[in-house]
Amino acid sequence: MIKSRLTTDLHPVVKEQAEKLVKLCDEAEIDILITSTYRDFEVQTRLYAQGRVLPGQIVTYAKAGDSWHNWHFAFDVVPLRNGKCVWSVRGADKELWLKVGTLGESVGLEWGGNWDRHPDYPHFQNKMGRTLYGLKKEAGLL
């Protein structure tokens, strides 16, 4: 079971973008923590079960193989204020998230906070023109 927080577990292009985001946030005096990069299918299956058949809140709408994390093209972050994670997206906290999202987009990442259906503020990805179908087919899963 693999759940990584290391940028070295990302596709090299996404790794570079993640590191640029961290640097830009630092320059903007925003501390961020990368909370998740690569996840294997077993971890994704467990996360998908959370809030459905396992206790807890729903944290993902992607089954194993349907998350860009499973393919090294996505990562999650959380901003910190006074050393504490800011998970709220209300009021001043939302402004903080919007700044992080804008910085991520400025380095070429897609930000989950802009999604109409199920916004995912911590999530950044770069599909690089790929599709999940294509990735699954290349991996022999289809």
N, C-alpha and C. Protein backbone atom coordinates (compact mmCIF):
# COMPACT_ATOMS: atom_id res chain seq x y z
N MET A 1 0.85 -1.18 0.00
CA MET A 1 0.00 0.00 0.00
C MET A 1 0.90 1.24 0.00
N ILE A 2 0.75 2.09 -1.02
CA ILE A 2 1.62 3.26 -1.14
C ILE A 2 0.78 4.53 -1.22
N LYS A 3 1.07 5.43 -0.29
CA LYS A 3 0.51 6.78 -0.31
C LYS A 3 1.69 7.71 -0.03
N SER A 4 2.04 8.49 -1.03
CA SER A 4 3.24 9.31 -0.92
C SER A 4 2.91 10.79 -0.76
N ARG A 5 3.85 11.51 -0.18
CA ARG A 5 3.81 12.97 -0.11
C ARG A 5 5.03 13.57 -0.82
N LEU A 6 5.81 12.71 -1.47
CA LEU A 6 7.05 13.14 -2.10
C LEU A 6 6.83 13.62 -3.52
N THR A 7 7.40 14.77 -3.86
CA THR A 7 7.28 15.25 -5.24
C THR A 7 8.04 14.35 -6.20
N THR A 8 9.02 13.60 -5.71
CA THR A 8 9.77 12.69 -6.57
C THR A 8 8.89 11.54 -7.08
N ASP A 9 7.73 11.35 -6.48
CA ASP A 9 6.80 10.32 -6.94
C ASP A 9 5.81 10.85 -7.97
N LEU A 10 5.99 12.09 -8.40
CA LEU A 10 5.15 12.67 -9.45
C LEU A 10 5.85 12.56 -10.80
N HIS A 11 5.07 12.64 -11.86
CA HIS A 11 5.64 12.74 -13.21
C HIS A 11 6.60 13.93 -13.18
N PRO A 12 7.73 13.86 -13.87
CA PRO A 12 8.72 14.94 -13.80
C PRO A 12 8.17 16.34 -14.09
N VAL A 13 7.26 16.47 -15.03
CA VAL A 13 6.69 17.79 -15.33
C VAL A 13 5.84 18.28 -14.16
N VAL A 14 5.03 17.39 -13.60
CA VAL A 14 4.17 17.75 -12.47
C VAL A 14 5.01 18.03 -11.23
N LYS A 15 6.08 17.26 -11.06
CA LYS A 15 7.02 17.49 -9.95
C LYS A 15 7.57 18.91 -10.02
N GLU A 16 8.01 19.31 -11.20
CA GLU A 16 8.55 20.66 -11.37
C GLU A 16 7.49 21.72 -11.06
N GLN A 17 6.27 21.49 -11.51
CA GLN A 17 5.19 22.44 -11.24
C GLN A 17 4.86 22.51 -9.75
N ALA A 18 4.85 21.35 -9.09
CA ALA A 18 4.57 21.32 -7.65
C ALA A 18 5.64 22.11 -6.89
N GLU A 19 6.88 21.91 -7.26
CA GLU A 19 7.97 22.61 -6.59
C GLU A 19 7.92 24.12 -6.87
N LYS A 20 7.51 24.50 -8.08
CA LYS A 20 7.34 25.92 -8.40
C LYS A 20 6.21 26.52 -7.56
N LEU A 21 5.13 25.75 -7.39
CA LEU A 21 4.02 26.24 -6.56
C LEU A 21 4.48 26.48 -5.13
N VAL A 22 5.21 25.54 -4.57
CA VAL A 22 5.72 25.70 -3.20
C VAL A 22 6.59 26.96 -3.12
N LYS A 23 7.45 27.17 -4.11
CA LYS A 23 8.33 28.34 -4.13
C LYS A 23 7.53 29.64 -4.24
N LEU A 24 6.54 29.67 -5.15
CA LEU A 24 5.72 30.87 -5.30
C LEU A 24 4.94 31.18 -4.03
N CYS A 25 4.42 30.14 -3.39
CA CYS A 25 3.69 30.34 -2.13
C CYS A 25 4.64 30.90 -1.07
N ASP A 26 5.83 30.35 -1.01
CA ASP A 26 6.83 30.84 -0.05
C ASP A 26 7.12 32.32 -0.30
N GLU A 27 7.30 32.69 -1.56
CA GLU A 27 7.56 34.09 -1.91
C GLU A 27 6.39 34.99 -1.55
N ALA A 28 5.17 34.44 -1.59
CA ALA A 28 3.96 35.19 -1.23
C ALA A 28 3.69 35.10 0.27
N GLU A 29 4.64 34.51 1.01
CA GLU A 29 4.51 34.31 2.46
C GLU A 29 3.30 33.47 2.85
N ILE A 30 3.07 32.44 2.03
CA ILE A 30 2.03 31.44 2.30
C ILE A 30 2.74 30.11 2.49
N ASP A 31 2.59 29.53 3.66
CA ASP A 31 3.16 28.21 3.91
C ASP A 31 2.16 27.17 3.41
N ILE A 32 2.65 26.20 2.63
CA ILE A 32 1.79 25.09 2.23
C ILE A 32 2.51 23.79 2.51
N LEU A 33 1.71 22.75 2.68
CA LEU A 33 2.20 21.41 2.93
C LEU A 33 1.63 20.50 1.84
N ILE A 34 2.47 19.75 1.18
CA ILE A 34 1.98 18.75 0.23
C ILE A 34 1.53 17.55 1.04
N THR A 35 0.26 17.19 0.92
CA THR A 35 -0.32 16.13 1.74
C THR A 35 -0.43 14.80 1.01
N SER A 36 -0.41 14.83 -0.34
CA SER A 36 -0.54 13.59 -1.09
C SER A 36 -0.03 13.80 -2.51
N THR A 37 0.76 12.85 -2.98
CA THR A 37 1.18 12.86 -4.39
C THR A 37 0.66 11.55 -4.99
N TYR A 38 1.52 10.56 -5.15
CA TYR A 38 1.11 9.28 -5.73
C TYR A 38 0.35 8.44 -4.71
N ARG A 39 -0.72 7.79 -5.19
CA ARG A 39 -1.45 6.78 -4.40
C ARG A 39 -1.61 5.54 -5.25
N ASP A 40 -1.36 4.38 -4.68
CA ASP A 40 -1.62 3.17 -5.44
C ASP A 40 -3.11 2.85 -5.42
N PHE A 41 -3.51 1.85 -6.18
CA PHE A 41 -4.93 1.52 -6.32
C PHE A 41 -5.55 1.09 -5.00
N GLU A 42 -4.76 0.39 -4.17
CA GLU A 42 -5.28 -0.08 -2.88
C GLU A 42 -5.64 1.11 -1.98
N VAL A 43 -4.77 2.11 -1.92
CA VAL A 43 -5.05 3.30 -1.12
C VAL A 43 -6.27 4.04 -1.69
N GLN A 44 -6.34 4.14 -3.02
CA GLN A 44 -7.47 4.84 -3.64
C GLN A 44 -8.78 4.11 -3.35
N THR A 45 -8.77 2.80 -3.38
CA THR A 45 -9.97 2.01 -3.08
C THR A 45 -10.43 2.27 -1.65
N ARG A 46 -9.47 2.33 -0.74
CA ARG A 46 -9.79 2.60 0.67
C ARG A 46 -10.37 4.02 0.84
N LEU A 47 -9.75 5.00 0.19
CA LEU A 47 -10.25 6.37 0.27
C LEU A 47 -11.65 6.48 -0.31
N TYR A 48 -11.89 5.79 -1.42
CA TYR A 48 -13.22 5.82 -2.04
C TYR A 48 -14.27 5.19 -1.11
N ALA A 49 -13.88 4.17 -0.38
CA ALA A 49 -14.81 3.49 0.54
C ALA A 49 -15.17 4.37 1.74
N GLN A 50 -14.28 5.30 2.09
CA GLN A 50 -14.53 6.16 3.25
C GLN A 50 -15.80 6.98 3.03
N GLY A 51 -16.68 6.94 4.02
CA GLY A 51 -17.95 7.67 3.92
C GLY A 51 -19.01 6.90 3.17
N ARG A 52 -18.62 5.76 2.61
CA ARG A 52 -19.58 4.90 1.92
C ARG A 52 -19.76 3.61 2.71
N VAL A 53 -18.72 2.77 2.73
CA VAL A 53 -18.80 1.52 3.50
C VAL A 53 -17.85 1.53 4.68
N LEU A 54 -16.98 2.54 4.75
CA LEU A 54 -16.08 2.71 5.90
C LEU A 54 -16.46 4.00 6.61
N PRO A 55 -16.18 4.11 7.92
CA PRO A 55 -16.51 5.33 8.65
C PRO A 55 -15.78 6.55 8.11
N GLY A 56 -16.36 7.71 8.36
CA GLY A 56 -15.74 8.97 7.99
C GLY A 56 -16.52 9.69 6.91
N GLN A 57 -15.99 10.85 6.54
CA GLN A 57 -16.61 11.65 5.49
C GLN A 57 -16.10 11.20 4.13
N ILE A 58 -16.91 11.40 3.11
CA ILE A 58 -16.46 11.14 1.75
C ILE A 58 -15.32 12.11 1.44
N VAL A 59 -14.21 11.56 0.96
CA VAL A 59 -13.04 12.39 0.65
C VAL A 59 -12.67 12.34 -0.83
N THR A 60 -13.25 11.40 -1.58
CA THR A 60 -12.97 11.34 -3.02
C THR A 60 -14.17 10.76 -3.75
N TYR A 61 -14.30 11.16 -4.99
CA TYR A 61 -15.33 10.62 -5.86
C TYR A 61 -14.71 9.74 -6.94
N ALA A 62 -13.40 9.49 -6.82
CA ALA A 62 -12.67 8.71 -7.82
C ALA A 62 -12.33 7.32 -7.29
N LYS A 63 -12.76 6.32 -8.03
CA LYS A 63 -12.38 4.94 -7.70
C LYS A 63 -10.94 4.70 -8.16
N ALA A 64 -10.39 3.58 -7.75
CA ALA A 64 -9.03 3.22 -8.15
C ALA A 64 -8.92 3.22 -9.68
N GLY A 65 -7.89 3.89 -10.16
CA GLY A 65 -7.67 4.02 -11.59
C GLY A 65 -8.31 5.26 -12.19
N ASP A 66 -9.25 5.85 -11.46
CA ASP A 66 -9.94 7.05 -11.94
C ASP A 66 -9.43 8.32 -11.29
N SER A 67 -8.38 8.21 -10.51
CA SER A 67 -7.76 9.38 -9.87
C SER A 67 -6.42 9.65 -10.55
N TRP A 68 -6.18 10.91 -10.83
CA TRP A 68 -4.91 11.30 -11.44
C TRP A 68 -3.74 11.06 -10.48
N HIS A 69 -4.03 10.92 -9.19
CA HIS A 69 -2.99 10.55 -8.21
C HIS A 69 -2.43 9.16 -8.53
N ASN A 70 -3.29 8.26 -9.01
CA ASN A 70 -2.87 6.89 -9.31
C ASN A 70 -1.88 6.82 -10.46
N TRP A 71 -1.78 7.90 -11.21
CA TRP A 71 -0.95 7.91 -12.42
C TRP A 71 0.20 8.92 -12.33
N HIS A 72 0.43 9.48 -11.13
CA HIS A 72 1.55 10.40 -10.88
C HIS A 72 1.35 11.80 -11.50
N PHE A 73 0.10 12.16 -11.79
CA PHE A 73 -0.18 13.44 -12.43
C PHE A 73 -0.89 14.42 -11.50
N ALA A 74 -1.03 14.11 -10.22
CA ALA A 74 -1.78 14.99 -9.31
C ALA A 74 -1.17 14.99 -7.91
N PHE A 75 -1.45 16.07 -7.20
CA PHE A 75 -1.03 16.18 -5.80
C PHE A 75 -2.01 17.07 -5.05
N ASP A 76 -2.02 16.92 -3.74
CA ASP A 76 -2.87 17.73 -2.86
C ASP A 76 -1.98 18.55 -1.92
N VAL A 77 -2.50 19.71 -1.56
CA VAL A 77 -1.80 20.59 -0.62
C VAL A 77 -2.79 21.11 0.41
N VAL A 78 -2.24 21.70 1.46
CA VAL A 78 -3.04 22.46 2.42
C VAL A 78 -2.20 23.67 2.85
N PRO A 79 -2.82 24.84 2.86
CA PRO A 79 -2.09 26.00 3.39
C PRO A 79 -2.04 25.93 4.92
N LEU A 80 -1.02 26.57 5.47
CA LEU A 80 -0.84 26.61 6.92
C LEU A 80 -0.94 28.06 7.39
N ARG A 81 -1.54 28.22 8.54
CA ARG A 81 -1.55 29.53 9.20
C ARG A 81 -1.09 29.30 10.63
N ASN A 82 0.01 29.98 10.98
CA ASN A 82 0.62 29.79 12.31
C ASN A 82 0.93 28.32 12.56
N GLY A 83 1.38 27.63 11.51
CA GLY A 83 1.78 26.24 11.63
C GLY A 83 0.64 25.24 11.65
N LYS A 84 -0.61 25.70 11.51
CA LYS A 84 -1.76 24.79 11.56
C LYS A 84 -2.44 24.73 10.19
N CYS A 85 -2.86 23.52 9.83
CA CYS A 85 -3.55 23.32 8.55
C CYS A 85 -4.85 24.12 8.49
N VAL A 86 -5.08 24.75 7.36
CA VAL A 86 -6.31 25.51 7.13
C VAL A 86 -7.16 24.70 6.14
N TRP A 87 -8.10 23.93 6.67
CA TRP A 87 -8.97 23.11 5.82
C TRP A 87 -10.25 23.83 5.44
N SER A 88 -10.63 24.81 6.23
CA SER A 88 -11.87 25.56 5.97
C SER A 88 -11.73 26.35 4.67
N VAL A 89 -12.84 26.50 3.96
CA VAL A 89 -12.85 27.33 2.74
C VAL A 89 -13.89 28.43 2.88
N ARG A 90 -14.00 28.97 4.08
CA ARG A 90 -14.95 30.06 4.35
C ARG A 90 -14.19 31.32 4.72
N GLY A 91 -14.78 32.47 4.38
CA GLY A 91 -14.25 33.77 4.79
C GLY A 91 -12.80 33.98 4.39
N ALA A 92 -11.98 34.41 5.35
CA ALA A 92 -10.56 34.69 5.09
C ALA A 92 -9.83 33.41 4.67
N ASP A 93 -10.30 32.27 5.14
CA ASP A 93 -9.69 31.00 4.75
C ASP A 93 -9.88 30.76 3.26
N LYS A 94 -11.06 31.10 2.74
CA LYS A 94 -11.30 30.92 1.31
C LYS A 94 -10.37 31.81 0.50
N GLU A 95 -10.14 33.02 0.98
CA GLU A 95 -9.22 33.93 0.28
C GLU A 95 -7.81 33.32 0.20
N LEU A 96 -7.40 32.68 1.27
CA LEU A 96 -6.09 32.01 1.29
C LEU A 96 -6.05 30.91 0.24
N TRP A 97 -7.11 30.08 0.20
CA TRP A 97 -7.19 29.02 -0.80
C TRP A 97 -7.18 29.57 -2.22
N LEU A 98 -7.90 30.68 -2.44
CA LEU A 98 -7.94 31.28 -3.77
C LEU A 98 -6.56 31.75 -4.21
N LYS A 99 -5.79 32.28 -3.27
CA LYS A 99 -4.41 32.71 -3.59
C LYS A 99 -3.56 31.50 -3.99
N VAL A 100 -3.67 30.42 -3.23
CA VAL A 100 -2.91 29.21 -3.54
C VAL A 100 -3.35 28.65 -4.90
N GLY A 101 -4.66 28.62 -5.14
CA GLY A 101 -5.17 28.13 -6.42
C GLY A 101 -4.67 28.95 -7.59
N THR A 102 -4.69 30.27 -7.44
CA THR A 102 -4.22 31.16 -8.51
C THR A 102 -2.74 30.94 -8.79
N LEU A 103 -1.96 30.75 -7.74
CA LEU A 103 -0.52 30.49 -7.92
C LEU A 103 -0.30 29.15 -8.63
N GLY A 104 -1.07 28.16 -8.28
CA GLY A 104 -0.96 26.86 -8.95
C GLY A 104 -1.30 26.96 -10.43
N GLU A 105 -2.34 27.70 -10.74
CA GLU A 105 -2.71 27.88 -12.15
C GLU A 105 -1.64 28.65 -12.91
N SER A 106 -0.95 29.54 -12.22
CA SER A 106 0.08 30.36 -12.88
C SER A 106 1.28 29.51 -13.35
N VAL A 107 1.43 28.31 -12.78
CA VAL A 107 2.53 27.43 -13.22
C VAL A 107 2.02 26.33 -14.16
N GLY A 108 0.76 26.46 -14.59
CA GLY A 108 0.20 25.54 -15.58
C GLY A 108 -0.58 24.37 -15.04
N LEU A 109 -0.92 24.42 -13.76
CA LEU A 109 -1.69 23.33 -13.16
C LEU A 109 -3.19 23.60 -13.24
N GLU A 110 -3.97 22.54 -13.30
CA GLU A 110 -5.42 22.64 -13.16
C GLU A 110 -5.71 22.56 -11.68
N TRP A 111 -6.57 23.47 -11.19
CA TRP A 111 -6.88 23.51 -9.77
C TRP A 111 -8.29 22.98 -9.53
N GLY A 112 -8.39 22.00 -8.65
CA GLY A 112 -9.68 21.40 -8.31
C GLY A 112 -10.65 22.36 -7.65
N GLY A 113 -10.17 23.45 -7.10
CA GLY A 113 -11.05 24.45 -6.48
C GLY A 113 -11.95 25.14 -7.48
N ASN A 114 -11.64 25.04 -8.77
CA ASN A 114 -12.46 25.65 -9.82
C ASN A 114 -13.49 24.70 -10.41
N TRP A 115 -13.51 23.48 -9.95
CA TRP A 115 -14.46 22.52 -10.51
C TRP A 115 -15.88 22.86 -10.08
N ASP A 116 -16.80 22.80 -11.03
CA ASP A 116 -18.21 23.08 -10.74
C ASP A 116 -18.82 21.98 -9.87
N ARG A 117 -18.52 20.74 -10.24
CA ARG A 117 -19.06 19.60 -9.52
C ARG A 117 -17.99 19.10 -8.55
N HIS A 118 -18.31 19.08 -7.30
CA HIS A 118 -17.38 18.62 -6.25
C HIS A 118 -16.05 19.38 -6.27
N PRO A 119 -16.05 20.70 -6.02
CA PRO A 119 -14.77 21.43 -5.94
C PRO A 119 -13.83 20.76 -4.94
N ASP A 120 -12.57 20.69 -5.29
CA ASP A 120 -11.56 20.00 -4.47
C ASP A 120 -10.39 20.97 -4.28
N TYR A 121 -10.50 21.84 -3.29
CA TYR A 121 -9.53 22.92 -3.09
C TYR A 121 -8.09 22.44 -2.92
N PRO A 122 -7.83 21.32 -2.25
CA PRO A 122 -6.44 20.90 -2.09
C PRO A 122 -5.80 20.33 -3.37
N HIS A 123 -6.59 20.02 -4.38
CA HIS A 123 -6.14 19.22 -5.52
C HIS A 123 -5.59 20.05 -6.69
N PHE A 124 -4.43 19.62 -7.18
CA PHE A 124 -3.81 20.17 -8.39
C PHE A 124 -3.42 19.01 -9.30
N GLN A 125 -3.57 19.22 -10.60
CA GLN A 125 -3.19 18.17 -11.54
C GLN A 125 -2.77 18.77 -12.88
N ASN A 126 -2.04 17.96 -13.63
CA ASN A 126 -1.71 18.30 -15.01
C ASN A 126 -1.82 17.01 -15.80
N LYS A 127 -2.84 16.92 -16.62
CA LYS A 127 -3.11 15.70 -17.40
C LYS A 127 -2.18 15.58 -18.61
N MET A 128 -1.56 16.68 -18.99
CA MET A 128 -0.63 16.72 -20.11
C MET A 128 -1.21 16.07 -21.36
N GLY A 129 -2.49 16.33 -21.61
CA GLY A 129 -3.14 15.81 -22.81
C GLY A 129 -3.52 14.34 -22.74
N ARG A 130 -3.31 13.73 -21.60
CA ARG A 130 -3.63 12.30 -21.43
C ARG A 130 -5.08 12.14 -21.00
N THR A 131 -5.57 10.93 -21.11
CA THR A 131 -6.90 10.57 -20.61
C THR A 131 -6.75 9.38 -19.67
N LEU A 132 -7.68 9.25 -18.75
CA LEU A 132 -7.66 8.09 -17.86
C LEU A 132 -7.84 6.81 -18.68
N TYR A 133 -8.71 6.86 -19.69
CA TYR A 133 -8.92 5.70 -20.54
C TYR A 133 -7.59 5.27 -21.18
N GLY A 134 -6.87 6.23 -21.73
CA GLY A 134 -5.58 5.92 -22.37
C GLY A 134 -4.57 5.35 -21.40
N LEU A 135 -4.50 5.92 -20.21
CA LEU A 135 -3.57 5.41 -19.20
C LEU A 135 -3.92 4.00 -18.78
N LYS A 136 -5.20 3.74 -18.59
CA LYS A 136 -5.63 2.38 -18.21
C LYS A 136 -5.33 1.39 -19.34
N LYS A 137 -5.55 1.82 -20.58
CA LYS A 137 -5.29 0.94 -21.72
C LYS A 137 -3.80 0.62 -21.80
N GLU A 138 -2.94 1.63 -21.64
CA GLU A 138 -1.49 1.42 -21.66
C GLU A 138 -1.05 0.46 -20.55
N ALA A 139 -1.74 0.53 -19.41
CA ALA A 139 -1.39 -0.33 -18.27
C ALA A 139 -1.99 -1.72 -18.37
N GLY A 140 -2.75 -1.99 -19.45
CA GLY A 140 -3.35 -3.30 -19.64
C GLY A 140 -4.56 -3.54 -18.77
N LEU A 141 -5.20 -2.47 -18.32
CA LEU A 141 -6.37 -2.62 -17.45
C LEU A 141 -7.68 -2.66 -18.23
N LEU A 142 -7.61 -2.40 -19.53
CA LEU A 142 -8.81 -2.43 -20.38
C LEU A 142 -8.65 -3.44 -21.49
